């Protein structure tokens, strides 16, 4: 199974930015956790982060051409603003799980709105960085017929 793990704006500042909401794990620590878990479940991962919306759209399209089996995406603030990400996920028809480290539904009102959610097979929210691993497991379970690479 090949998974794309995509992260939006400010996620490169994990461990620095608002640790009361996002915890103390650094972005590098998150990547190590993801890669270790991928090895455990027999998956291949492509991990990317950008502060630019167009990069995320390009990588969603790349996942299509690279025949990814699933996408895990934490769109950051683009969750609440990006129709472009919604359209990109809808256009590639790759099972996608939306991840949020904090429990967005318990934060500011604007964070409760996700433009991306209608195109996703699931949302994992409020599980800290562990949510990425949960999302990977959800995709593995859904794509159980996929051959591991």
Protein backbone atom coordinates (compact mmCIF):
# COMPACT_ATOMS: atom_id res chain seq x y z
CA UNK A 1 0.00 0.00 0.00
CA UNK A 2 1.31 3.43 -0.96
CA UNK A 3 0.15 6.39 1.13
CA UNK A 4 0.68 10.10 0.68
CA UNK A 5 0.91 11.99 3.98
CA UNK A 6 0.31 15.68 3.27
CA UNK A 7 0.60 18.54 5.73
CA UNK A 8 -0.47 22.11 5.26
CA UNK A 9 0.62 25.45 6.67
CA UNK A 10 2.52 25.74 9.93
CA UNK A 11 2.74 22.00 10.57
CA UNK A 12 6.50 22.29 10.10
CA UNK A 13 6.32 24.25 13.39
CA UNK A 14 5.04 21.31 15.44
CA UNK A 15 6.66 21.34 18.85
CA UNK A 16 7.11 25.12 18.59
CA UNK A 17 3.62 26.38 17.73
CA UNK A 18 1.02 26.39 20.50
CA UNK A 19 2.10 23.20 22.29
CA UNK A 20 -1.04 23.37 24.46
CA UNK A 21 -3.06 22.60 21.29
CA UNK A 22 -0.57 20.63 19.20
CA UNK A 23 1.72 18.93 21.73
CA UNK A 24 5.49 18.84 21.97
CA UNK A 25 6.28 16.37 19.18
CA UNK A 26 8.32 18.09 16.47
CA UNK A 27 7.59 17.72 12.77
CA UNK A 28 10.69 15.55 12.45
CA UNK A 29 9.40 13.40 15.31
CA UNK A 30 6.06 13.07 13.57
CA UNK A 31 7.76 11.94 10.36
CA UNK A 32 9.76 9.33 12.27
CA UNK A 33 6.55 8.00 13.87
CA UNK A 34 4.83 7.83 10.49
CA UNK A 35 7.75 6.02 8.84
CA UNK A 36 8.05 3.54 11.73
CA UNK A 37 4.33 2.81 11.57
CA UNK A 38 4.46 2.43 7.79
CA UNK A 39 7.15 -0.22 8.24
CA UNK A 40 4.98 -2.01 10.83
CA UNK A 41 1.93 -2.13 8.53
CA UNK A 42 3.86 -2.84 5.33
CA UNK A 43 3.12 0.47 3.65
CA UNK A 44 5.21 2.89 1.63
CA UNK A 45 4.78 6.56 2.53
CA UNK A 46 5.49 9.82 0.76
CA UNK A 47 5.51 12.66 3.32
CA UNK A 48 5.22 16.28 2.29
CA UNK A 49 4.57 19.64 3.97
CA UNK A 50 3.97 23.06 2.49
CA UNK A 51 2.67 26.42 3.56
CA UNK A 52 1.32 26.91 0.02
CA UNK A 53 -2.08 25.69 -1.12
CA UNK A 54 -1.01 25.04 -4.71
CA UNK A 55 1.73 22.66 -3.57
CA UNK A 56 -0.87 20.58 -1.74
CA UNK A 57 -3.07 20.49 -4.85
CA UNK A 58 -0.07 19.43 -6.95
CA UNK A 59 0.77 16.62 -4.51
CA UNK A 60 -2.81 15.35 -4.44
CA UNK A 61 -2.66 15.15 -8.24
CA UNK A 62 0.79 13.52 -8.04
CA UNK A 63 -0.70 10.86 -5.74
CA UNK A 64 -3.10 10.02 -8.57
CA UNK A 65 -0.34 9.65 -11.15
CA UNK A 66 1.85 7.69 -8.72
CA UNK A 67 -1.07 5.33 -8.07
CA UNK A 68 -1.30 5.99 -4.35
CA UNK A 69 -3.76 3.82 -2.45
CA UNK A 70 -4.65 6.54 0.03
CA UNK A 71 -4.00 10.07 1.23
CA UNK A 72 -3.73 11.29 4.81
CA UNK A 73 -4.03 15.05 4.89
CA UNK A 74 -3.82 17.64 7.62
CA UNK A 75 -4.68 20.74 5.63
CA UNK A 76 -4.07 23.06 8.58
CA UNK A 77 -5.88 26.37 8.16
CA UNK A 78 -6.78 25.44 4.57
CA UNK A 79 -9.35 23.09 6.13
CA UNK A 80 -11.58 26.10 6.68
CA UNK A 81 -10.91 27.99 3.45
CA UNK A 82 -9.89 25.80 0.53
CA UNK A 83 -12.33 24.78 -2.14
CA UNK A 84 -9.26 24.02 -4.28
CA UNK A 85 -8.24 21.17 -1.93
CA UNK A 86 -11.81 19.86 -1.91
CA UNK A 87 -11.89 19.85 -5.71
CA UNK A 88 -8.47 18.18 -5.91
CA UNK A 89 -9.42 15.34 -3.56
CA UNK A 90 -12.75 14.86 -5.35
CA UNK A 91 -11.04 14.78 -8.74
CA UNK A 92 -8.53 12.02 -7.93
CA UNK A 93 -11.00 9.64 -6.21
CA UNK A 94 -8.30 8.34 -3.85
CA UNK A 95 -9.54 7.39 -0.38
CA UNK A 96 -8.54 10.33 1.83
CA UNK A 97 -8.57 10.77 5.59
CA UNK A 98 -8.57 14.29 7.06
CA UNK A 99 -6.47 14.58 10.24
CA UNK A 100 -6.42 17.27 12.92
CA UNK A 101 -4.07 17.07 15.88
CA UNK A 102 -6.28 19.20 18.11
CA UNK A 103 -9.99 18.68 18.68
CA UNK A 104 -11.10 21.33 16.18
CA UNK A 105 -14.76 20.89 17.04
CA UNK A 106 -14.02 22.26 20.53
CA UNK A 107 -12.09 25.31 19.38
CA UNK A 108 -13.11 28.56 17.66
CA UNK A 109 -16.31 28.46 15.62
CA UNK A 110 -14.51 28.94 12.28
CA UNK A 111 -12.43 25.79 12.95
CA UNK A 112 -15.59 23.69 13.09
CA UNK A 113 -16.09 24.12 9.34
CA UNK A 114 -14.20 21.83 7.00
CA UNK A 115 -14.46 22.34 3.28
CA UNK A 116 -12.49 19.14 2.72
CA UNK A 117 -14.52 16.75 4.90
CA UNK A 118 -17.23 15.92 2.31
CA UNK A 119 -14.57 14.41 0.02
CA UNK A 120 -12.97 12.29 2.77
CA UNK A 121 -13.75 8.76 3.86
CA UNK A 122 -13.07 9.70 7.49
CA UNK A 123 -11.84 12.44 9.81
CA UNK A 124 -9.55 11.86 12.78
CA UNK A 125 -9.59 14.77 15.21
CA UNK A 126 -8.15 15.38 18.66
CA UNK A 127 -5.90 12.33 18.86
CA UNK A 128 -2.67 14.31 18.79
CA UNK A 129 -0.01 13.12 16.37
CA UNK A 130 -1.29 9.57 16.96
CA UNK A 131 -4.17 10.57 14.68
CA UNK A 132 -1.90 10.18 11.65
CA UNK A 133 -1.28 6.54 12.56
CA UNK A 134 -5.01 5.99 13.11
CA UNK A 135 -5.66 7.45 9.65
CA UNK A 136 -3.06 5.15 8.10
CA UNK A 137 -4.72 2.17 9.80
CA UNK A 138 -8.15 3.25 8.53
CA UNK A 139 -6.84 3.39 4.96
CA UNK A 140 -5.12 0.03 5.33
CA UNK A 141 -8.33 -1.53 6.60
CA UNK A 142 -10.35 0.04 3.79
CA UNK A 143 -7.85 -1.02 1.15
CA UNK A 144 -7.20 -4.43 2.59
CA UNK A 145 -7.22 -5.89 -0.91
CA UNK A 146 -4.23 -3.72 -1.87
CA UNK A 147 -0.88 -5.38 -2.23
CA UNK A 148 1.79 -3.94 0.08
CA UNK A 149 4.80 -2.45 -1.68
